Amino acid sequence: MLSFLKAIPFGIFMSWILSLFMGNGGTSGGVLAVHRAHILDMSFYWSWPLFFAGLALTWALLLMMDA
């Protein structure tokens, strides 16, 4: 459970960085569904499928390092 909580920030960071490059390039990434998110006065590119993929990848790596 602790490795899952440790993986969340890395999944967020990976999704944010990859979505930033893809969104600035003018693509939605097809299945990745990169879109511009607006929160209060800020806007940024975000992708839920990228977040879940990054979360799963990081979680698996942290579980393997723990063993």
PDB file of N, CA and C in Angstrom:
ATOM      1  N   MET A   1       0.822  -1.194   0.000  1.00  0.00           N
ATOM      2  CA  MET A   1       0.000   0.000   0.000  1.00  0.00           C
ATOM      3  C   MET A   1       0.865   1.256   0.000  1.00  0.00           C
ATOM      4  N   LEU A   2       1.959   1.216   0.730  1.00  0.00           N
ATOM      5  CA  LEU A   2       2.839   2.368   0.790  1.00  0.00           C
ATOM      6  C   LEU A   2       3.482   2.655  -0.566  1.00  0.00           C
ATOM      7  N   SER A   3       3.812   1.594  -1.308  1.00  0.00           N
ATOM      8  CA  SER A   3       4.403   1.807  -2.637  1.00  0.00           C
ATOM      9  C   SER A   3       3.387   2.451  -3.582  1.00  0.00           C
ATOM     10  N   PHE A   4       2.103   2.151  -3.417  1.00  0.00           N
ATOM     11  CA  PHE A   4       1.073   2.798  -4.241  1.00  0.00           C
ATOM     12  C   PHE A   4       1.019   4.296  -3.952  1.00  0.00           C
ATOM     13  N   LEU A   5       1.063   4.659  -2.673  1.00  0.00           N
ATOM     14  CA  LEU A   5       1.039   6.080  -2.307  1.00  0.00           C
ATOM     15  C   LEU A   5       2.285   6.811  -2.789  1.00  0.00           C
ATOM     16  N   LYS A   6       3.422   6.124  -2.797  1.00  0.00           N
ATOM     17  CA  LYS A   6       4.649   6.725  -3.315  1.00  0.00           C
ATOM     18  C   LYS A   6       4.589   6.899  -4.829  1.00  0.00           C
ATOM     19  N   ALA A   7       3.835   6.056  -5.516  1.00  0.00           N
ATOM     20  CA  ALA A   7       3.774   6.086  -6.976  1.00  0.00           C
ATOM     21  C   ALA A   7       2.878   7.204  -7.503  1.00  0.00           C
ATOM     22  N   ILE A   8       1.953   7.689  -6.709  1.00  0.00           N
ATOM     23  CA  ILE A   8       0.999   8.703  -7.180  1.00  0.00           C
ATOM     24  C   ILE A   8       1.687   9.980  -7.662  1.00  0.00           C
ATOM     25  N   PRO A   9       2.628  10.585  -6.915  1.00  0.00           N
ATOM     26  CA  PRO A   9       3.266  11.805  -7.440  1.00  0.00           C
ATOM     27  C   PRO A   9       4.039  11.578  -8.733  1.00  0.00           C
ATOM     28  N   PHE A  10       4.670  10.421  -8.867  1.00  0.00           N
ATOM     29  CA  PHE A  10       5.408  10.128 -10.093  1.00  0.00           C
ATOM     30  C   PHE A  10       4.465   9.955 -11.287  1.00  0.00           C
ATOM     31  N   GLY A  11       3.297   9.340 -11.060  1.00  0.00           N
ATOM     32  CA  GLY A  11       2.297   9.224 -12.115  1.00  0.00           C
ATOM     33  C   GLY A  11       1.770  10.580 -12.541  1.00  0.00           C
ATOM     34  N   ILE A  12       1.546  11.468 -11.576  1.00  0.00           N
ATOM     35  CA  ILE A  12       1.089  12.827 -11.883  1.00  0.00           C
ATOM     36  C   ILE A  12       2.144  13.565 -12.695  1.00  0.00           C
ATOM     37  N   PHE A  13       3.398  13.494 -12.253  1.00  0.00           N
ATOM     38  CA  PHE A  13       4.466  14.207 -12.944  1.00  0.00           C
ATOM     39  C   PHE A  13       4.654  13.693 -14.366  1.00  0.00           C
ATOM     40  N   MET A  14       4.650  12.365 -14.545  1.00  0.00           N
ATOM     41  CA  MET A  14       4.824  11.800 -15.880  1.00  0.00           C
ATOM     42  C   MET A  14       3.684  12.194 -16.800  1.00  0.00           C
ATOM     43  N   SER A  15       2.465  12.139 -16.309  1.00  0.00           N
ATOM     44  CA  SER A  15       1.315  12.521 -17.122  1.00  0.00           C
ATOM     45  C   SER A  15       1.370  13.992 -17.496  1.00  0.00           C
ATOM     46  N   TRP A  16       1.734  14.828 -16.561  1.00  0.00           N
ATOM     47  CA  TRP A  16       1.797  16.270 -16.814  1.00  0.00           C
ATOM     48  C   TRP A  16       2.857  16.607 -17.864  1.00  0.00           C
ATOM     49  N   ILE A  17       4.053  16.032 -17.740  1.00  0.00           N
ATOM     50  CA  ILE A  17       5.138  16.331 -18.678  1.00  0.00           C
ATOM     51  C   ILE A  17       4.807  15.813 -20.081  1.00  0.00           C
ATOM     52  N   LEU A  18       4.373  14.571 -20.197  1.00  0.00           N
ATOM     53  CA  LEU A  18       4.060  14.024 -21.517  1.00  0.00           C
ATOM     54  C   LEU A  18       2.874  14.743 -22.158  1.00  0.00           C
ATOM     55  N   SER A  19       1.864  15.074 -21.364  1.00  0.00           N
ATOM     56  CA  SER A  19       0.714  15.811 -21.893  1.00  0.00           C
ATOM     57  C   SER A  19       1.119  17.206 -22.338  1.00  0.00           C
ATOM     58  N   LEU A  20       2.048  17.820 -21.630  1.00  0.00           N
ATOM     59  CA  LEU A  20       2.526  19.153 -21.996  1.00  0.00           C
ATOM     60  C   LEU A  20       3.161  19.139 -23.378  1.00  0.00           C
ATOM     61  N   PHE A  21       4.038  18.190 -23.637  1.00  0.00           N
ATOM     62  CA  PHE A  21       4.690  18.120 -24.940  1.00  0.00           C
ATOM     63  C   PHE A  21       3.708  17.756 -26.047  1.00  0.00           C
ATOM     64  N   MET A  22       2.808  16.820 -25.775  1.00  0.00           N
ATOM     65  CA  MET A  22       1.845  16.420 -26.799  1.00  0.00           C
ATOM     66  C   MET A  22       0.831  17.529 -27.062  1.00  0.00           C
ATOM     67  N   GLY A  23       0.349  18.183 -26.025  1.00  0.00           N
ATOM     68  CA  GLY A  23      -0.629  19.248 -26.186  1.00  0.00           C
ATOM     69  C   GLY A  23      -0.060  20.456 -26.901  1.00  0.00           C
ATOM     70  N   ASN A  24       1.183  20.815 -26.579  1.00  0.00           N
ATOM     71  CA  ASN A  24       1.818  21.936 -27.268  1.00  0.00           C
ATOM     72  C   ASN A  24       2.099  21.617 -28.728  1.00  0.00           C
ATOM     73  N   GLY A  25       2.225  20.339 -29.033  1.00  0.00           N
ATOM     74  CA  GLY A  25       2.430  19.922 -30.419  1.00  0.00           C
ATOM     75  C   GLY A  25       1.142  19.945 -31.225  1.00  0.00           C
ATOM     76  N   GLY A  26       0.021  20.128 -30.554  1.00  0.00           N
ATOM     77  CA  GLY A  26      -1.253  20.239 -31.245  1.00  0.00           C
ATOM     78  C   GLY A  26      -1.977  18.922 -31.459  1.00  0.00           C
ATOM     79  N   THR A  27      -1.595  17.877 -30.760  1.00  0.00           N
ATOM     80  CA  THR A  27      -2.255  16.585 -30.926  1.00  0.00           C
ATOM     81  C   THR A  27      -3.006  16.206 -29.656  1.00  0.00           C
ATOM     82  N   SER A  28      -4.051  15.414 -29.822  1.00  0.00           N
ATOM     83  CA  SER A  28      -4.768  14.907 -28.656  1.00  0.00           C
ATOM     84  C   SER A  28      -4.256  13.527 -28.258  1.00  0.00           C
ATOM     85  N   GLY A  29      -3.397  12.948 -29.075  1.00  0.00           N
ATOM     86  CA  GLY A  29      -2.815  11.659 -28.747  1.00  0.00           C
ATOM     87  C   GLY A  29      -3.744  10.483 -28.984  1.00  0.00           C
ATOM     88  N   GLY A  30      -4.861  10.702 -29.654  1.00  0.00           N
ATOM     89  CA  GLY A  30      -5.789   9.613 -29.947  1.00  0.00           C
ATOM     90  C   GLY A  30      -6.374   9.023 -28.683  1.00  0.00           C
ATOM     91  N   VAL A  31      -6.004   7.790 -28.384  1.00  0.00           N
ATOM     92  CA  VAL A  31      -6.522   7.080 -27.216  1.00  0.00           C
ATOM     93  C   VAL A  31      -6.082   7.752 -25.916  1.00  0.00           C
ATOM     94  N   LEU A  32      -4.967   8.471 -25.943  1.00  0.00           N
ATOM     95  CA  LEU A  32      -4.470   9.121 -24.729  1.00  0.00           C
ATOM     96  C   LEU A  32      -5.324  10.302 -24.299  1.00  0.00           C
ATOM     97  N   ALA A  33      -6.106  10.853 -25.193  1.00  0.00           N
ATOM     98  CA  ALA A  33      -7.087  11.898 -24.893  1.00  0.00           C
ATOM     99  C   ALA A  33      -6.492  13.066 -24.114  1.00  0.00           C
ATOM    100  N   VAL A  34      -5.428  13.635 -24.637  1.00  0.00           N
ATOM    101  CA  VAL A  34      -4.812  14.802 -24.006  1.00  0.00           C
ATOM    102  C   VAL A  34      -5.748  15.994 -24.209  1.00  0.00           C
ATOM    103  N   HIS A  35      -6.080  16.667 -23.132  1.00  0.00           N
ATOM    104  CA  HIS A  35      -6.969  17.824 -23.212  1.00  0.00           C
ATOM    105  C   HIS A  35      -6.457  18.926 -22.293  1.00  0.00           C
ATOM    106  N   ARG A  36      -6.965  20.107 -22.523  1.00  0.00           N
ATOM    107  CA  ARG A  36      -6.565  21.263 -21.702  1.00  0.00           C
ATOM    108  C   ARG A  36      -7.513  21.344 -20.505  1.00  0.00           C
ATOM    109  N   ALA A  37      -6.944  21.263 -19.310  1.00  0.00           N
ATOM    110  CA  ALA A  37      -7.726  21.334 -18.075  1.00  0.00           C
ATOM    111  C   ALA A  37      -7.611  22.740 -17.502  1.00  0.00           C
ATOM    112  N   HIS A  38      -8.718  23.251 -16.991  1.00  0.00           N
ATOM    113  CA  HIS A  38      -8.753  24.586 -16.400  1.00  0.00           C
ATOM    114  C   HIS A  38      -9.161  24.473 -14.930  1.00  0.00           C
ATOM    115  N   ILE A  39      -8.306  24.952 -14.055  1.00  0.00           N
ATOM    116  CA  ILE A  39      -8.609  24.982 -12.621  1.00  0.00           C
ATOM    117  C   ILE A  39      -8.321  26.392 -12.134  1.00  0.00           C
ATOM    118  N   LEU A  40      -9.368  27.065 -11.655  1.00  0.00           N
ATOM    119  CA  LEU A  40      -9.293  28.460 -11.230  1.00  0.00           C
ATOM    120  C   LEU A  40      -8.742  29.301 -12.368  1.00  0.00           C
ATOM    121  N   ASP A  41      -7.591  29.939 -12.188  1.00  0.00           N
ATOM    122  CA  ASP A  41      -7.019  30.793 -13.228  1.00  0.00           C
ATOM    123  C   ASP A  41      -5.902  30.101 -14.009  1.00  0.00           C
ATOM    124  N   MET A  42      -5.685  28.827 -13.742  1.00  0.00           N
ATOM    125  CA  MET A  42      -4.607  28.095 -14.410  1.00  0.00           C
ATOM    126  C   MET A  42      -5.180  27.141 -15.430  1.00  0.00           C
ATOM    127  N   SER A  43      -4.419  26.877 -16.470  1.00  0.00           N
ATOM    128  CA  SER A  43      -4.789  25.836 -17.424  1.00  0.00           C
ATOM    129  C   SER A  43      -3.534  25.048 -17.776  1.00  0.00           C
ATOM    130  N   PHE A  44      -3.712  23.756 -17.962  1.00  0.00           N
ATOM    131  CA  PHE A  44      -2.596  22.875 -18.283  1.00  0.00           C
ATOM    132  C   PHE A  44      -3.133  21.692 -19.059  1.00  0.00           C
ATOM    133  N   TYR A  45      -2.251  20.968 -19.729  1.00  0.00           N
ATOM    134  CA  TYR A  45      -2.648  19.779 -20.467  1.00  0.00           C
ATOM    135  C   TYR A  45      -2.645  18.580 -19.526  1.00  0.00           C
ATOM    136  N   TRP A  46      -3.629  17.694 -19.714  1.00  0.00           N
ATOM    137  CA  TRP A  46      -3.766  16.541 -18.828  1.00  0.00           C
ATOM    138  C   TRP A  46      -4.327  15.359 -19.611  1.00  0.00           C
ATOM    139  N   SER A  47      -3.984  14.157 -19.167  1.00  0.00           N
ATOM    140  CA  SER A  47      -4.490  12.930 -19.765  1.00  0.00           C
ATOM    141  C   SER A  47      -4.663  11.877 -18.678  1.00  0.00           C
ATOM    142  N   TRP A  48      -5.899  11.447 -18.482  1.00  0.00           N
ATOM    143  CA  TRP A  48      -6.149  10.400 -17.483  1.00  0.00           C
ATOM    144  C   TRP A  48      -5.538   9.060 -17.873  1.00  0.00           C
ATOM    145  N   PRO A  49      -5.628   8.635 -19.146  1.00  0.00           N
ATOM    146  CA  PRO A  49      -4.973   7.360 -19.491  1.00  0.00           C
ATOM    147  C   PRO A  49      -3.460   7.386 -19.253  1.00  0.00           C
ATOM    148  N   LEU A  50      -2.819   8.517 -19.535  1.00  0.00           N
ATOM    149  CA  LEU A  50      -1.379   8.627 -19.250  1.00  0.00           C
ATOM    150  C   LEU A  50      -1.112   8.565 -17.752  1.00  0.00           C
ATOM    151  N   PHE A  51      -1.977   9.185 -16.966  1.00  0.00           N
ATOM    152  CA  PHE A  51      -1.799   9.144 -15.514  1.00  0.00           C
ATOM    153  C   PHE A  51      -1.881   7.708 -14.998  1.00  0.00           C
ATOM    154  N   PHE A  52      -2.900   6.964 -15.437  1.00  0.00           N
ATOM    155  CA  PHE A  52      -3.051   5.592 -14.949  1.00  0.00           C
ATOM    156  C   PHE A  52      -1.930   4.684 -15.442  1.00  0.00           C
ATOM    157  N   ALA A  53      -1.452   4.897 -16.661  1.00  0.00           N
ATOM    158  CA  ALA A  53      -0.323   4.112 -17.166  1.00  0.00           C
ATOM    159  C   ALA A  53       0.947   4.430 -16.380  1.00  0.00           C
ATOM    160  N   GLY A  54       1.192   5.705 -16.124  1.00  0.00           N
ATOM    161  CA  GLY A  54       2.367   6.091 -15.344  1.00  0.00           C
ATOM    162  C   GLY A  54       2.288   5.598 -13.916  1.00  0.00           C
ATOM    163  N   LEU A  55       1.097   5.638 -13.343  1.00  0.00           N
ATOM    164  CA  LEU A  55       0.892   5.143 -11.988  1.00  0.00           C
ATOM    165  C   LEU A  55       1.170   3.645 -11.914  1.00  0.00           C
ATOM    166  N   ALA A  56       0.661   2.894 -12.860  1.00  0.00           N
ATOM    167  CA  ALA A  56       0.877   1.437 -12.879  1.00  0.00           C
ATOM    168  C   ALA A  56       2.356   1.103 -13.076  1.00  0.00           C
ATOM    169  N   LEU A  57       3.015   1.812 -13.996  1.00  0.00           N
ATOM    170  CA  LEU A  57       4.427   1.566 -14.250  1.00  0.00           C
ATOM    171  C   LEU A  57       5.268   1.875 -13.011  1.00  0.00           C
ATOM    172  N   THR A  58       5.031   3.005 -12.398  1.00  0.00           N
ATOM    173  CA  THR A  58       5.795   3.391 -11.218  1.00  0.00           C
ATOM    174  C   THR A  58       5.509   2.468 -10.038  1.00  0.00           C
ATOM    175  N   TRP A  59       4.255   2.103  -9.880  1.00  0.00           N
ATOM    176  CA  TRP A  59       3.893   1.193  -8.793  1.00  0.00           C
ATOM    177  C   TRP A  59       4.593  -0.149  -8.956  1.00  0.00           C
ATOM    178  N   ALA A  60       4.624  -0.677 -10.191  1.00  0.00           N
ATOM    179  CA  ALA A  60       5.301  -1.943 -10.441  1.00  0.00           C
ATOM    180  C   ALA A  60       6.783  -1.829 -10.158  1.00  0.00           C
ATOM    181  N   LEU A  61       7.415  -0.736 -10.576  1.00  0.00           N
ATOM    182  CA  LEU A  61       8.845  -0.555 -10.310  1.00  0.00           C
ATOM    183  C   LEU A  61       9.134  -0.464  -8.814  1.00  0.00           C
ATOM    184  N   LEU A  62       8.305   0.262  -8.080  1.00  0.00           N
ATOM    185  CA  LEU A  62       8.510   0.362  -6.635  1.00  0.00           C
ATOM    186  C   LEU A  62       8.276  -0.960  -5.929  1.00  0.00           C
ATOM    187  N   LEU A  63       7.306  -1.736  -6.397  1.00  0.00           N
ATOM    188  CA  LEU A  63       7.094  -3.065  -5.796  1.00  0.00           C
ATOM    189  C   LEU A  63       8.285  -3.992  -6.047  1.00  0.00           C
ATOM    190  N   MET A  64       8.863  -3.905  -7.255  1.00  0.00           N
ATOM    191  CA  MET A  64      10.022  -4.747  -7.563  1.00  0.00           C
ATOM    192  C   MET A  64      11.252  -4.325  -6.759  1.00  0.00           C
ATOM    193  N   MET A  65      11.399  -3.032  -6.508  1.00  0.00           N
ATOM    194  CA  MET A  65      12.544  -2.563  -5.724  1.00  0.00           C
ATOM    195  C   MET A  65      12.395  -2.920  -4.250  1.00  0.00           C
ATOM    196  N   ASP A  66      11.156  -3.056  -3.775  1.00  0.00           N
ATOM    197  CA  ASP A  66      10.911  -3.353  -2.363  1.00  0.00           C
ATOM    198  C   ASP A  66      11.266  -4.794  -2.028  1.00  0.00           C
ATOM    199  N   ALA A  67      11.112  -5.684  -2.986  1.00  0.00           N
ATOM    200  CA  ALA A  67      11.333  -7.110  -2.719  1.00  0.00           C
ATOM    201  C   ALA A  67      12.775  -7.484  -2.565  1.00  0.00           C
TER     202      ALA A  67
END
